[in-house]
Amino acid sequence: MIRSKVKTYKQRIGKNRYLIVKVFQAAAAKTGSGNALATNALNIKISKRKRKH
């Protein structure tokens, strides 16, 4: 993987609030002989924070 950048922000549409995740990735692979695989696989885990009262 060459580069990975993640932007997250919240947007309100009507009464609902949405979490928007934008992922920018770039991958490259080179080989002299044989096979090479460049993958843009991504694992995202979204968890809600507990509020302290």
Protein backbone atom coordinates (compact mmCIF):
# COMPACT_ATOMS: atom_id res chain seq x y z
CA MET A 1 0.00 0.00 0.00
CA ILE A 2 1.38 3.38 -0.99
CA ARG A 3 -1.04 5.74 0.66
CA SER A 4 -4.11 5.61 2.89
CA LYS A 5 -6.18 8.57 4.07
CA VAL A 6 -9.50 8.49 5.92
CA LYS A 7 -11.86 11.42 6.42
CA THR A 8 -14.91 11.18 8.65
CA TYR A 9 -17.59 13.72 9.32
CA LYS A 10 -21.20 13.90 10.43
CA GLN A 11 -23.96 15.29 8.27
CA ARG A 12 -27.51 16.06 9.24
CA ILE A 13 -30.29 15.35 6.76
CA GLY A 14 -33.69 16.20 8.18
CA LYS A 15 -33.93 14.74 11.68
CA ASN A 16 -31.28 12.08 11.01
CA ARG A 17 -27.53 12.37 11.53
CA TYR A 18 -25.25 10.28 9.34
CA LEU A 19 -21.60 9.39 9.80
CA ILE A 20 -19.81 9.65 6.46
CA VAL A 21 -16.48 7.87 5.98
CA LYS A 22 -14.39 8.72 2.91
CA VAL A 23 -11.41 6.48 2.23
CA PHE A 24 -8.64 7.36 -0.21
CA GLN A 25 -6.20 4.52 -0.98
CA ALA A 26 -3.52 3.70 -3.49
CA ALA A 27 -1.64 0.43 -3.92
CA ALA A 28 1.01 -0.79 -6.36
CA ALA A 29 2.96 -3.99 -6.95
CA LYS A 30 6.01 -4.76 -9.13
CA THR A 31 7.91 -7.95 -9.88
CA GLY A 32 10.77 -9.03 -12.10
CA SER A 33 9.30 -12.47 -12.71
CA GLY A 34 6.21 -14.24 -11.45
CA ASN A 35 3.00 -12.80 -10.10
CA ALA A 36 2.37 -9.65 -8.05
CA LEU A 37 -0.85 -8.63 -6.33
CA ALA A 38 -1.78 -5.12 -5.25
CA THR A 39 -4.85 -5.01 -3.06
CA ASN A 40 -7.00 -2.16 -1.79
CA ALA A 41 -8.63 -4.17 1.00
CA LEU A 42 -10.02 -2.15 3.86
CA ASN A 43 -11.25 -2.98 7.36
CA ILE A 44 -13.45 -0.40 9.09
CA LYS A 45 -14.78 -0.71 12.61
CA ILE A 46 -17.29 1.90 13.76
CA SER A 47 -18.19 2.00 17.42
CA LYS A 48 -20.33 4.45 19.34
CA ARG A 49 -18.67 6.33 22.18
CA LYS A 50 -20.30 6.12 25.58
CA ARG A 51 -21.26 9.48 26.99
CA LYS A 52 -20.34 10.30 30.56
CA HIS A 53 -23.02 12.11 32.53
